[in-house]
Amino acid sequence: MPRQQLGLLSFGVLVVVIAILLVAFGPSQDWGSIISLTLVLYGLWVIVLAGIRAKTPEKYGRSAFSILVWGILLLAVGGAWYVDILTQGNILYSMVLLLIIIGILAVASALPSMRKKS
């Protein structure tokens, strides 16, 4: 699939996600929830794009693993922000979530380079 079609598809997904969240949280005007859940849902979409990229890689494009990592980071930041909203400012759970995700990503990034050296 050409890159432009995936870009247009991603824009469409972002618009649909924002529209659904505005309908769900707009009346309460909970803008923090709208933005954080937008990050979570768009992070899930970026993970799906990584799967698409794994099936049809581009010669000079980002690798599927790189796209997957960005999707997980979007998911983690949005999830931590939403957990912070749900716990009403108790940032401990948000920091724990972010640190666990970053640690898992660091280990996952280091594993392929360790396999090549052996």
PDB file of N, CA and C in Angstrom:
ATOM      1  N   MET A   1       0.841  -1.179   0.000  1.00  0.00           N
ATOM      2  CA  MET A   1       0.000   0.000   0.000  1.00  0.00           C
ATOM      3  C   MET A   1       0.886   1.242   0.000  1.00  0.00           C
ATOM      4  N   PRO A   2       0.641   2.189  -0.875  1.00  0.00           N
ATOM      5  CA  PRO A   2       1.463   3.396  -0.871  1.00  0.00           C
ATOM      6  C   PRO A   2       1.310   4.181   0.426  1.00  0.00           C
ATOM      7  N   ARG A   3       2.343   4.899   0.737  1.00  0.00           N
ATOM      8  CA  ARG A   3       2.400   5.632   1.998  1.00  0.00           C
ATOM      9  C   ARG A   3       1.287   6.670   2.122  1.00  0.00           C
ATOM     10  N   GLN A   4       0.939   7.333   1.028  1.00  0.00           N
ATOM     11  CA  GLN A   4      -0.076   8.380   1.078  1.00  0.00           C
ATOM     12  C   GLN A   4      -1.434   7.820   1.486  1.00  0.00           C
ATOM     13  N   GLN A   5      -1.768   6.629   1.046  1.00  0.00           N
ATOM     14  CA  GLN A   5      -3.050   6.049   1.416  1.00  0.00           C
ATOM     15  C   GLN A   5      -3.093   5.733   2.904  1.00  0.00           C
ATOM     16  N   LEU A   6      -1.993   5.255   3.462  1.00  0.00           N
ATOM     17  CA  LEU A   6      -1.960   4.993   4.898  1.00  0.00           C
ATOM     18  C   LEU A   6      -2.024   6.292   5.686  1.00  0.00           C
ATOM     19  N   GLY A   7      -1.425   7.339   5.168  1.00  0.00           N
ATOM     20  CA  GLY A   7      -1.499   8.637   5.838  1.00  0.00           C
ATOM     21  C   GLY A   7      -2.918   9.173   5.856  1.00  0.00           C
ATOM     22  N   LEU A   8      -3.611   9.060   4.740  1.00  0.00           N
ATOM     23  CA  LEU A   8      -4.997   9.506   4.668  1.00  0.00           C
ATOM     24  C   LEU A   8      -5.886   8.632   5.539  1.00  0.00           C
ATOM     25  N   LEU A   9      -5.629   7.334   5.549  1.00  0.00           N
ATOM     26  CA  LEU A   9      -6.378   6.415   6.391  1.00  0.00           C
ATOM     27  C   LEU A   9      -6.158   6.741   7.866  1.00  0.00           C
ATOM     28  N   SER A  10      -4.933   7.039   8.255  1.00  0.00           N
ATOM     29  CA  SER A  10      -4.629   7.396   9.638  1.00  0.00           C
ATOM     30  C   SER A  10      -5.316   8.695  10.043  1.00  0.00           C
ATOM     31  N   PHE A  11      -5.342   9.658   9.143  1.00  0.00           N
ATOM     32  CA  PHE A  11      -6.041  10.908   9.429  1.00  0.00           C
ATOM     33  C   PHE A  11      -7.530  10.652   9.639  1.00  0.00           C
ATOM     34  N   GLY A  12      -8.102   9.811   8.803  1.00  0.00           N
ATOM     35  CA  GLY A  12      -9.510   9.469   8.943  1.00  0.00           C
ATOM     36  C   GLY A  12      -9.798   8.776  10.266  1.00  0.00           C
ATOM     37  N   VAL A  13      -8.919   7.863  10.668  1.00  0.00           N
ATOM     38  CA  VAL A  13      -9.087   7.180  11.957  1.00  0.00           C
ATOM     39  C   VAL A  13      -9.008   8.189  13.101  1.00  0.00           C
ATOM     40  N   LEU A  14      -8.063   9.127  13.025  1.00  0.00           N
ATOM     41  CA  LEU A  14      -7.932  10.140  14.073  1.00  0.00           C
ATOM     42  C   LEU A  14      -9.200  10.992  14.178  1.00  0.00           C
ATOM     43  N   VAL A  15      -9.760  11.394  13.048  1.00  0.00           N
ATOM     44  CA  VAL A  15     -10.972  12.204  13.057  1.00  0.00           C
ATOM     45  C   VAL A  15     -12.144  11.419  13.648  1.00  0.00           C
ATOM     46  N   VAL A  16     -12.272  10.149  13.282  1.00  0.00           N
ATOM     47  CA  VAL A  16     -13.359   9.319  13.818  1.00  0.00           C
ATOM     48  C   VAL A  16     -13.199   9.135  15.324  1.00  0.00           C
ATOM     49  N   VAL A  17     -11.972   8.893  15.789  1.00  0.00           N
ATOM     50  CA  VAL A  17     -11.718   8.722  17.228  1.00  0.00           C
ATOM     51  C   VAL A  17     -12.092   9.995  17.980  1.00  0.00           C
ATOM     52  N   ILE A  18     -11.674  11.141  17.474  1.00  0.00           N
ATOM     53  CA  ILE A  18     -11.995  12.410  18.144  1.00  0.00           C
ATOM     54  C   ILE A  18     -13.495  12.647  18.157  1.00  0.00           C
ATOM     55  N   ALA A  19     -14.172  12.347  17.054  1.00  0.00           N
ATOM     56  CA  ALA A  19     -15.626  12.552  16.990  1.00  0.00           C
ATOM     57  C   ALA A  19     -16.346  11.663  18.005  1.00  0.00           C
ATOM     58  N   ILE A  20     -15.943  10.402  18.101  1.00  0.00           N
ATOM     59  CA  ILE A  20     -16.587   9.489  19.062  1.00  0.00           C
ATOM     60  C   ILE A  20     -16.342   9.958  20.488  1.00  0.00           C
ATOM     61  N   LEU A  21     -15.130  10.372  20.787  1.00  0.00           N
ATOM     62  CA  LEU A  21     -14.829  10.823  22.149  1.00  0.00           C
ATOM     63  C   LEU A  21     -15.524  12.144  22.478  1.00  0.00           C
ATOM     64  N   LEU A  22     -15.699  13.014  21.489  1.00  0.00           N
ATOM     65  CA  LEU A  22     -16.446  14.249  21.732  1.00  0.00           C
ATOM     66  C   LEU A  22     -17.908  13.956  22.041  1.00  0.00           C
ATOM     67  N   VAL A  23     -18.474  12.973  21.364  1.00  0.00           N
ATOM     68  CA  VAL A  23     -19.859  12.594  21.656  1.00  0.00           C
ATOM     69  C   VAL A  23     -19.948  11.985  23.056  1.00  0.00           C
ATOM     70  N   ALA A  24     -18.950  11.159  23.406  1.00  0.00           N
ATOM     71  CA  ALA A  24     -18.990  10.469  24.697  1.00  0.00           C
ATOM     72  C   ALA A  24     -18.702  11.401  25.873  1.00  0.00           C
ATOM     73  N   PHE A  25     -17.693  12.272  25.732  1.00  0.00           N
ATOM     74  CA  PHE A  25     -17.270  13.094  26.861  1.00  0.00           C
ATOM     75  C   PHE A  25     -17.549  14.587  26.670  1.00  0.00           C
ATOM     76  N   GLY A  26     -18.059  14.991  25.519  1.00  0.00           N
ATOM     77  CA  GLY A  26     -18.310  16.404  25.247  1.00  0.00           C
ATOM     78  C   GLY A  26     -19.294  17.062  26.194  1.00  0.00           C
ATOM     79  N   PRO A  27     -20.435  16.424  26.467  1.00  0.00           N
ATOM     80  CA  PRO A  27     -21.395  17.076  27.370  1.00  0.00           C
ATOM     81  C   PRO A  27     -20.831  17.360  28.764  1.00  0.00           C
ATOM     82  N   SER A  28     -19.952  16.507  29.245  1.00  0.00           N
ATOM     83  CA  SER A  28     -19.374  16.748  30.576  1.00  0.00           C
ATOM     84  C   SER A  28     -18.178  17.696  30.513  1.00  0.00           C
ATOM     85  N   GLN A  29     -17.733  18.022  29.320  1.00  0.00           N
ATOM     86  CA  GLN A  29     -16.576  18.891  29.073  1.00  0.00           C
ATOM     87  C   GLN A  29     -15.346  18.417  29.836  1.00  0.00           C
ATOM     88  N   ASP A  30     -15.121  17.123  29.790  1.00  0.00           N
ATOM     89  CA  ASP A  30     -13.945  16.523  30.424  1.00  0.00           C
ATOM     90  C   ASP A  30     -12.841  16.422  29.367  1.00  0.00           C
ATOM     91  N   TRP A  31     -12.175  17.560  29.113  1.00  0.00           N
ATOM     92  CA  TRP A  31     -11.211  17.641  28.019  1.00  0.00           C
ATOM     93  C   TRP A  31      -9.985  16.777  28.263  1.00  0.00           C
ATOM     94  N   GLY A  32      -9.598  16.598  29.509  1.00  0.00           N
ATOM     95  CA  GLY A  32      -8.462  15.737  29.811  1.00  0.00           C
ATOM     96  C   GLY A  32      -8.721  14.302  29.395  1.00  0.00           C
ATOM     97  N   SER A  33      -9.931  13.822  29.657  1.00  0.00           N
ATOM     98  CA  SER A  33     -10.289  12.461  29.244  1.00  0.00           C
ATOM     99  C   SER A  33     -10.331  12.337  27.726  1.00  0.00           C
ATOM    100  N   ILE A  34     -10.832  13.346  27.060  1.00  0.00           N
ATOM    101  CA  ILE A  34     -10.903  13.296  25.598  1.00  0.00           C
ATOM    102  C   ILE A  34      -9.509  13.203  25.002  1.00  0.00           C
ATOM    103  N   ILE A  35      -8.595  14.035  25.461  1.00  0.00           N
ATOM    104  CA  ILE A  35      -7.239  14.047  24.900  1.00  0.00           C
ATOM    105  C   ILE A  35      -6.492  12.770  25.258  1.00  0.00           C
ATOM    106  N   SER A  36      -6.594  12.327  26.518  1.00  0.00           N
ATOM    107  CA  SER A  36      -5.856  11.133  26.915  1.00  0.00           C
ATOM    108  C   SER A  36      -6.378   9.886  26.211  1.00  0.00           C
ATOM    109  N   LEU A  37      -7.679   9.762  26.082  1.00  0.00           N
ATOM    110  CA  LEU A  37      -8.228   8.601  25.383  1.00  0.00           C
ATOM    111  C   LEU A  37      -7.981   8.674  23.879  1.00  0.00           C
ATOM    112  N   THR A  38      -7.855   9.884  23.337  1.00  0.00           N
ATOM    113  CA  THR A  38      -7.457  10.014  21.940  1.00  0.00           C
ATOM    114  C   THR A  38      -6.059   9.449  21.745  1.00  0.00           C
ATOM    115  N   LEU A  39      -5.150   9.762  22.664  1.00  0.00           N
ATOM    116  CA  LEU A  39      -3.798   9.204  22.590  1.00  0.00           C
ATOM    117  C   LEU A  39      -3.819   7.687  22.698  1.00  0.00           C
ATOM    118  N   VAL A  40      -4.632   7.151  23.599  1.00  0.00           N
ATOM    119  CA  VAL A  40      -4.708   5.705  23.781  1.00  0.00           C
ATOM    120  C   VAL A  40      -5.221   5.037  22.506  1.00  0.00           C
ATOM    121  N   LEU A  41      -6.338   5.520  21.986  1.00  0.00           N
ATOM    122  CA  LEU A  41      -6.930   4.881  20.812  1.00  0.00           C
ATOM    123  C   LEU A  41      -6.087   5.071  19.560  1.00  0.00           C
ATOM    124  N   TYR A  42      -5.452   6.236  19.424  1.00  0.00           N
ATOM    125  CA  TYR A  42      -4.582   6.431  18.268  1.00  0.00           C
ATOM    126  C   TYR A  42      -3.312   5.591  18.404  1.00  0.00           C
ATOM    127  N   GLY A  43      -2.852   5.385  19.634  1.00  0.00           N
ATOM    128  CA  GLY A  43      -1.728   4.477  19.855  1.00  0.00           C
ATOM    129  C   GLY A  43      -2.065   3.060  19.421  1.00  0.00           C
ATOM    130  N   LEU A  44      -3.291   2.629  19.704  1.00  0.00           N
ATOM    131  CA  LEU A  44      -3.729   1.318  19.230  1.00  0.00           C
ATOM    132  C   LEU A  44      -3.732   1.256  17.704  1.00  0.00           C
ATOM    133  N   TRP A  45      -4.160   2.358  17.066  1.00  0.00           N
ATOM    134  CA  TRP A  45      -4.154   2.395  15.611  1.00  0.00           C
ATOM    135  C   TRP A  45      -2.726   2.326  15.070  1.00  0.00           C
ATOM    136  N   VAL A  46      -1.798   3.001  15.708  1.00  0.00           N
ATOM    137  CA  VAL A  46      -0.402   2.967  15.251  1.00  0.00           C
ATOM    138  C   VAL A  46       0.157   1.547  15.397  1.00  0.00           C
ATOM    139  N   ILE A  47      -0.255   0.818  16.424  1.00  0.00           N
ATOM    140  CA  ILE A  47       0.163  -0.578  16.569  1.00  0.00           C
ATOM    141  C   ILE A  47      -0.391  -1.418  15.413  1.00  0.00           C
ATOM    142  N   VAL A  48      -1.634  -1.151  15.013  1.00  0.00           N
ATOM    143  CA  VAL A  48      -2.204  -1.843  13.848  1.00  0.00           C
ATOM    144  C   VAL A  48      -1.408  -1.491  12.592  1.00  0.00           C
ATOM    145  N   LEU A  49      -1.016  -0.236  12.456  1.00  0.00           N
ATOM    146  CA  LEU A  49      -0.194   0.165  11.305  1.00  0.00           C
ATOM    147  C   LEU A  49       1.152  -0.562  11.292  1.00  0.00           C
ATOM    148  N   ALA A  50       1.702  -0.831  12.470  1.00  0.00           N
ATOM    149  CA  ALA A  50       2.954  -1.587  12.533  1.00  0.00           C
ATOM    150  C   ALA A  50       2.745  -2.992  11.971  1.00  0.00           C
ATOM    151  N   GLY A  51       1.599  -3.582  12.255  1.00  0.00           N
ATOM    152  CA  GLY A  51       1.298  -4.888  11.686  1.00  0.00           C
ATOM    153  C   GLY A  51       1.167  -4.844  10.178  1.00  0.00           C
ATOM    154  N   ILE A  52       0.557  -3.776   9.666  1.00  0.00           N
ATOM    155  CA  ILE A  52       0.446  -3.610   8.221  1.00  0.00           C
ATOM    156  C   ILE A  52       1.827  -3.426   7.611  1.00  0.00           C
ATOM    157  N   ARG A  53       2.667  -2.636   8.265  1.00  0.00           N
ATOM    158  CA  ARG A  53       4.022  -2.382   7.753  1.00  0.00           C
ATOM    159  C   ARG A  53       4.867  -3.652   7.770  1.00  0.00           C
ATOM    160  N   ALA A  54       4.630  -4.537   8.746  1.00  0.00           N
ATOM    161  CA  ALA A  54       5.385  -5.787   8.808  1.00  0.00           C
ATOM    162  C   ALA A  54       5.071  -6.669   7.598  1.00  0.00           C
ATOM    163  N   LYS A  55       3.825  -6.601   7.119  1.00  0.00           N
ATOM    164  CA  LYS A  55       3.442  -7.406   5.960  1.00  0.00           C
ATOM    165  C   LYS A  55       3.941  -6.801   4.655  1.00  0.00           C
ATOM    166  N   THR A  56       3.964  -5.463   4.566  1.00  0.00           N
ATOM    167  CA  THR A  56       4.394  -4.780   3.341  1.00  0.00           C
ATOM    168  C   THR A  56       5.439  -3.724   3.687  1.00  0.00           C
ATOM    169  N   PRO A  57       6.685  -4.124   3.944  1.00  0.00           N
ATOM    170  CA  PRO A  57       7.707  -3.134   4.312  1.00  0.00           C
ATOM    171  C   PRO A  57       8.098  -2.245   3.128  1.00  0.00           C
ATOM    172  N   GLU A  58       8.476  -1.010   3.460  1.00  0.00           N
ATOM    173  CA  GLU A  58       8.984  -0.078   2.450  1.00  0.00           C
ATOM    174  C   GLU A  58      10.505  -0.098   2.510  1.00  0.00           C
ATOM    175  N   LYS A  59      11.125   0.167   1.375  1.00  0.00           N
ATOM    176  CA  LYS A  59      12.575   0.082   1.299  1.00  0.00           C
ATOM    177  C   LYS A  59      13.263   1.119   2.187  1.00  0.00           C
ATOM    178  N   TYR A  60      12.813   2.352   2.146  1.00  0.00           N
ATOM    179  CA  TYR A  60      13.456   3.418   2.915  1.00  0.00           C
ATOM    180  C   TYR A  60      12.574   3.940   4.047  1.00  0.00           C
ATOM    181  N   GLY A  61      11.520   3.240   4.372  1.00  0.00           N
ATOM    182  CA  GLY A  61      10.603   3.678   5.416  1.00  0.00           C
ATOM    183  C   GLY A  61      11.017   3.159   6.788  1.00  0.00           C
ATOM    184  N   ARG A  62      10.293   3.580   7.796  1.00  0.00           N
ATOM    185  CA  ARG A  62      10.536   3.085   9.152  1.00  0.00           C
ATOM    186  C   ARG A  62      10.228   1.600   9.228  1.00  0.00           C
ATOM    187  N   SER A  63      10.914   0.926  10.134  1.00  0.00           N
ATOM    188  CA  SER A  63      10.651  -0.493  10.323  1.00  0.00           C
ATOM    189  C   SER A  63       9.352  -0.673  11.106  1.00  0.00           C
ATOM    190  N   ALA A  64       8.806  -1.867  11.023  1.00  0.00           N
ATOM    191  CA  ALA A  64       7.580  -2.170  11.753  1.00  0.00           C
ATOM    192  C   ALA A  64       7.818  -2.078  13.255  1.00  0.00           C
ATOM    193  N   PHE A  65       9.009  -2.466  13.716  1.00  0.00           N
ATOM    194  CA  PHE A  65       9.322  -2.400  15.141  1.00  0.00           C
ATOM    195  C   PHE A  65       9.331  -0.954  15.634  1.00  0.00           C
ATOM    196  N   SER A  66       9.879  -0.050  14.833  1.00  0.00           N
ATOM    197  CA  SER A  66       9.913   1.364  15.204  1.00  0.00           C
ATOM    198  C   SER A  66       8.509   1.929  15.324  1.00  0.00           C
ATOM    199  N   ILE A  67       7.649   1.575  14.389  1.00  0.00           N
ATOM    200  CA  ILE A  67       6.268   2.049  14.435  1.00  0.00           C
ATOM    201  C   ILE A  67       5.545   1.452  15.637  1.00  0.00           C
ATOM    202  N   LEU A  68       5.810   0.170  15.925  1.00  0.00           N
ATOM    203  CA  LEU A  68       5.213  -0.486  17.082  1.00  0.00           C
ATOM    204  C   LEU A  68       5.613   0.214  18.379  1.00  0.00           C
ATOM    205  N   VAL A  69       6.866   0.580  18.502  1.00  0.00           N
ATOM    206  CA  VAL A  69       7.343   1.269  19.708  1.00  0.00           C
ATOM    207  C   VAL A  69       6.643   2.615  19.873  1.00  0.00           C
ATOM    208  N   TRP A  70       6.479   3.370  18.795  1.00  0.00           N
ATOM    209  CA  TRP A  70       5.773   4.649  18.885  1.00  0.00           C
ATOM    210  C   TRP A  70       4.320   4.449  19.289  1.00  0.00           C
ATOM    211  N   GLY A  71       3.697   3.407  18.771  1.00  0.00           N
ATOM    212  CA  GLY A  71       2.322   3.117  19.157  1.00  0.00           C
ATOM    213  C   GLY A  71       2.207   2.775  20.632  1.00  0.00           C
ATOM    214  N   ILE A  72       3.137   1.980  21.127  1.00  0.00           N
ATOM    215  CA  ILE A  72       3.132   1.610  22.544  1.00  0.00           C
ATOM    216  C   ILE A  72       3.389   2.830  23.421  1.00  0.00           C
ATOM    217  N   LEU A  73       4.280   3.715  22.988  1.00  0.00           N
ATOM    218  CA  LEU A  73       4.544   4.932  23.765  1.00  0.00           C
ATOM    219  C   LEU A  73       3.314   5.844  23.803  1.00  0.00           C
ATOM    220  N   LEU A  74       2.617   5.995  22.675  1.00  0.00           N
ATOM    221  CA  LEU A  74       1.382   6.786  22.676  1.00  0.00           C
ATOM    222  C   LEU A  74       0.349   6.171  23.613  1.00  0.00           C
ATOM    223  N   LEU A  75       0.243   4.861  23.542  1.00  0.00           N
ATOM    224  CA  LEU A  75      -0.692   4.138  24.406  1.00  0.00           C
ATOM    225  C   LEU A  75      -0.330   4.324  25.875  1.00  0.00           C
ATOM    226  N   ALA A  76       0.954   4.257  26.194  1.00  0.00           N
ATOM    227  CA  ALA A  76       1.396   4.385  27.587  1.00  0.00           C
ATOM    228  C   ALA A  76       1.187   5.802  28.125  1.00  0.00           C
ATOM    229  N   VAL A  77       1.520   6.806  27.330  1.00  0.00           N
ATOM    230  CA  VAL A  77       1.351   8.189  27.785  1.00  0.00           C
ATOM    231  C   VAL A  77      -0.132   8.511  27.972  1.00  0.00           C
ATOM    232  N   GLY A  78      -0.952   8.135  26.999  1.00  0.00           N
ATOM    233  CA  GLY A  78      -2.387   8.369  27.128  1.00  0.00           C
ATOM    234  C   GLY A  78      -2.991   7.585  28.277  1.00  0.00           C
ATOM    235  N   GLY A  79      -2.545   6.343  28.453  1.00  0.00           N
ATOM    236  CA  GLY A  79      -3.048   5.526  29.554  1.00  0.00           C
ATOM    237  C   GLY A  79      -2.642   6.077  30.907  1.00  0.00           C
ATOM    238  N   ALA A  80      -1.397   6.529  31.022  1.00  0.00           N
ATOM    239  CA  ALA A  80      -0.937   7.108  32.287  1.00  0.00           C
ATOM    240  C   ALA A  80      -1.703   8.388  32.605  1.00  0.00           C
ATOM    241  N   TRP A  81      -1.952   9.197  31.587  1.00  0.00           N
ATOM    242  CA  TRP A  81      -2.713  10.428  31.785  1.00  0.00           C
ATOM    243  C   TRP A  81      -4.137  10.107  32.235  1.00  0.00           C
ATOM    244  N   TYR A  82      -4.763   9.101  31.617  1.00  0.00           N
ATOM    245  CA  TYR A  82      -6.126   8.740  31.990  1.00  0.00           C
ATOM    246  C   TYR A  82      -6.175   8.122  33.390  1.00  0.00           C
ATOM    247  N   VAL A  83      -5.173   7.320  33.741  1.00  0.00           N
ATOM    248  CA  VAL A  83      -5.100   6.773  35.101  1.00  0.00           C
ATOM    249  C   VAL A  83      -4.957   7.907  36.112  1.00  0.00           C
ATOM    250  N   ASP A  84      -4.177   8.921  35.771  1.00  0.00           N
ATOM    251  CA  ASP A  84      -4.028  10.084  36.643  1.00  0.00           C
ATOM    252  C   ASP A  84      -5.373  10.795  36.832  1.00  0.00           C
ATOM    253  N   ILE A  85      -6.160  10.891  35.770  1.00  0.00           N
ATOM    254  CA  ILE A  85      -7.487  11.516  35.869  1.00  0.00           C
ATOM    255  C   ILE A  85      -8.399  10.662  36.742  1.00  0.00           C
ATOM    256  N   LEU A  86      -8.359   9.352  36.540  1.00  0.00           N
ATOM    257  CA  LEU A  86      -9.241   8.467  37.309  1.00  0.00           C
ATOM    258  C   LEU A  86      -8.887   8.426  38.792  1.00  0.00           C
ATOM    259  N   THR A  87      -7.590   8.530  39.109  1.00  0.00           N
ATOM    260  CA  THR A  87      -7.179   8.503  40.513  1.00  0.00           C
ATOM    261  C   THR A  87      -7.156   9.897  41.118  1.00  0.00           C
ATOM    262  N   GLN A  88      -7.632  10.879  40.404  1.00  0.00           N
ATOM    263  CA  GLN A  88      -7.769  12.263  40.854  1.00  0.00           C
ATOM    264  C   GLN A  88      -6.452  12.864  41.361  1.00  0.00           C
ATOM    265  N   GLY A  89      -5.430  12.725  40.537  1.00  0.00           N
ATOM    266  CA  GLY A  89      -4.174  13.395  40.824  1.00  0.00           C
ATOM    267  C   GLY A  89      -3.137  12.563  41.535  1.00  0.00           C
ATOM    268  N   ASN A  90      -3.419  11.293  41.830  1.00  0.00           N
ATOM    269  CA  ASN A  90      -2.414  10.428  42.440  1.00  0.00           C
ATOM    270  C   ASN A  90      -1.491   9.936  41.328  1.00  0.00           C
ATOM    271  N   ILE A  91      -0.361  10.606  41.193  1.00  0.00           N
ATOM    272  CA  ILE A  91       0.520  10.379  40.054  1.00  0.00           C
ATOM    273  C   ILE A  91       1.354   9.095  40.196  1.00  0.00           C
ATOM    274  N   LEU A  92       1.331   8.462  41.348  1.00  0.00           N
ATOM    275  CA  LEU A  92       2.132   7.262  41.576  1.00  0.00           C
ATOM    276  C   LEU A  92       1.787   6.157  40.584  1.00  0.00           C
ATOM    277  N   TYR A  93       0.505   5.875  40.384  1.00  0.00           N
ATOM    278  CA  TYR A  93       0.107   4.809  39.471  1.00  0.00           C
ATOM    279  C   TYR A  93       0.471   5.134  38.030  1.00  0.00           C
ATOM    280  N   SER A  94       0.383   6.382  37.658  1.00  0.00           N
ATOM    281  CA  SER A  94       0.762   6.792  36.311  1.00  0.00           C
ATOM    282  C   SER A  94       2.251   6.600  36.078  1.00  0.00           C
ATOM    283  N   MET A  95       3.051   6.988  37.055  1.00  0.00           N
ATOM    284  CA  MET A  95       4.505   6.831  36.914  1.00  0.00           C
ATOM    285  C   MET A  95       4.897   5.358  36.871  1.00  0.00           C
ATOM    286  N   VAL A  96       4.243   4.533  37.695  1.00  0.00           N
ATOM    287  CA  VAL A  96       4.527   3.099  37.675  1.00  0.00           C
ATOM    288  C   VAL A  96       4.216   2.526  36.300  1.00  0.00           C
ATOM    289  N   LEU A  97       3.070   2.903  35.720  1.00  0.00           N
ATOM    290  CA  LEU A  97       2.698   2.422  34.392  1.00  0.00           C
ATOM    291  C   LEU A  97       3.730   2.843  33.350  1.00  0.00           C
ATOM    292  N   LEU A  98       4.130   4.102  33.362  1.00  0.00           N
ATOM    293  CA  LEU A  98       5.116   4.580  32.392  1.00  0.00           C
ATOM    294  C   LEU A  98       6.458   3.891  32.559  1.00  0.00           C
ATOM    295  N   LEU A  99       6.908   3.714  33.794  1.00  0.00           N
ATOM    296  CA  LEU A  99       8.205   3.075  34.020  1.00  0.00           C
ATOM    297  C   LEU A  99       8.198   1.616  33.591  1.00  0.00           C
ATOM    298  N   ILE A 100       7.106   0.915  33.836  1.00  0.00           N
ATOM    299  CA  ILE A 100       7.021  -0.481  33.403  1.00  0.00           C
ATOM    300  C   ILE A 100       7.060  -0.573  31.884  1.00  0.00           C
ATOM    301  N   ILE A 101       6.305   0.275  31.214  1.00  0.00           N
ATOM    302  CA  ILE A 101       6.271   0.253  29.743  1.00  0.00           C
ATOM    303  C   ILE A 101       7.637   0.606  29.168  1.00  0.00           C
ATOM    304  N   ILE A 102       8.284   1.622  29.704  1.00  0.00           N
ATOM    305  CA  ILE A 102       9.601   2.018  29.196  1.00  0.00           C
ATOM    306  C   ILE A 102      10.621   0.913  29.454  1.00  0.00           C
ATOM    307  N   GLY A 103      10.542   0.261  30.605  1.00  0.00           N
ATOM    308  CA  GLY A 103      11.449  -0.851  30.889  1.00  0.00           C
ATOM    309  C   GLY A 103      11.250  -2.013  29.934  1.00  0.00           C
ATOM    310  N   ILE A 104      10.000  -2.358  29.664  1.00  0.00           N
ATOM    311  CA  ILE A 104       9.711  -3.449  28.725  1.00  0.00           C
ATOM    312  C   ILE A 104      10.207  -3.098  27.324  1.00  0.00           C
ATOM    313  N   LEU A 105      10.012  -1.856  26.902  1.00  0.00           N
ATOM    314  CA  LEU A 105      10.492  -1.435  25.584  1.00  0.00           C
ATOM    315  C   LEU A 105      12.016  -1.458  25.511  1.00  0.00           C
ATOM    316  N   ALA A 106      12.684  -1.077  26.591  1.00  0.00           N
ATOM    317  CA  ALA A 106      14.155  -1.113  26.599  1.00  0.00           C
ATOM    318  C   ALA A 106      14.661  -2.549  26.466  1.00  0.00           C
ATOM    319  N   VAL A 107      14.038  -3.465  27.187  1.00  0.00           N
ATOM    320  CA  VAL A 107      14.444  -4.875  27.095  1.00  0.00           C
ATOM    321  C   VAL A 107      14.153  -5.421  25.699  1.00  0.00           C
ATOM    322  N   ALA A 108      12.981  -5.110  25.169  1.00  0.00           N
ATOM    323  CA  ALA A 108      12.616  -5.596  23.835  1.00  0.00           C
ATOM    324  C   ALA A 108      13.535  -5.018  22.754  1.00  0.00           C
ATOM    325  N   SER A 109      13.989  -3.791  22.925  1.00  0.00           N
ATOM    326  CA  SER A 109      14.898  -3.187  21.954  1.00  0.00           C
ATOM    327  C   SER A 109      16.295  -3.779  22.045  1.00  0.00           C
ATOM    328  N   ALA A 110      16.703  -4.194  23.222  1.00  0.00           N
ATOM    329  CA  ALA A 110      18.051  -4.726  23.409  1.00  0.00           C
ATOM    330  C   ALA A 110      18.169  -6.187  22.977  1.00  0.00           C
ATOM    331  N   LEU A 111      17.092  -6.936  23.009  1.00  0.00           N
ATOM    332  CA  LEU A 111      17.158  -8.362  22.700  1.00  0.00           C
ATOM    333  C   LEU A 111      17.656  -8.673  21.295  1.00  0.00           C
ATOM    334  N   PRO A 112      17.176  -8.022  20.231  1.00  0.00           N
ATOM    335  CA  PRO A 112      17.684  -8.376  18.892  1.00  0.00           C
ATOM    336  C   PRO A 112      19.183  -8.128  18.732  1.00  0.00           C
ATOM    337  N   SER A 113      19.715  -7.081  19.318  1.00  0.00           N
ATOM    338  CA  SER A 113      21.155  -6.822  19.179  1.00  0.00           C
ATOM    339  C   SER A 113      21.980  -7.833  19.965  1.00  0.00           C
ATOM    340  N   MET A 114      21.438  -8.362  21.057  1.00  0.00           N
ATOM    341  CA  MET A 114      22.150  -9.383  21.829  1.00  0.00           C
ATOM    342  C   MET A 114      22.182 -10.714  21.065  1.00  0.00           C
ATOM    343  N   ARG A 115      21.128 -11.021  20.341  1.00  0.00           N
ATOM    344  CA  ARG A 115      21.078 -12.266  19.569  1.00  0.00           C
ATOM    345  C   ARG A 115      22.073 -12.251  18.432  1.00  0.00           C
ATOM    346  N   LYS A 116      22.295 -11.134  17.787  1.00  0.00           N
ATOM    347  CA  LYS A 116      23.194 -11.044  16.648  1.00  0.00           C
ATOM    348  C   LYS A 116      24.652 -11.247  17.059  1.00  0.00           C
ATOM    349  N   LYS A 117      25.025 -10.822  18.254  1.00  0.00           N
ATOM    350  CA  LYS A 117      26.412 -10.924  18.711  1.00  0.00           C
ATOM    351  C   LYS A 117      26.790 -12.346  19.100  1.00  0.00           C
ATOM    352  N   SER A 118      25.838 -13.143  19.510  1.00  0.00           N
ATOM    353  CA  SER A 118      26.143 -14.495  19.974  1.00  0.00           C
ATOM    354  C   SER A 118      26.437 -15.441  18.847  1.00  0.00           C
TER     355      SER A 118
END
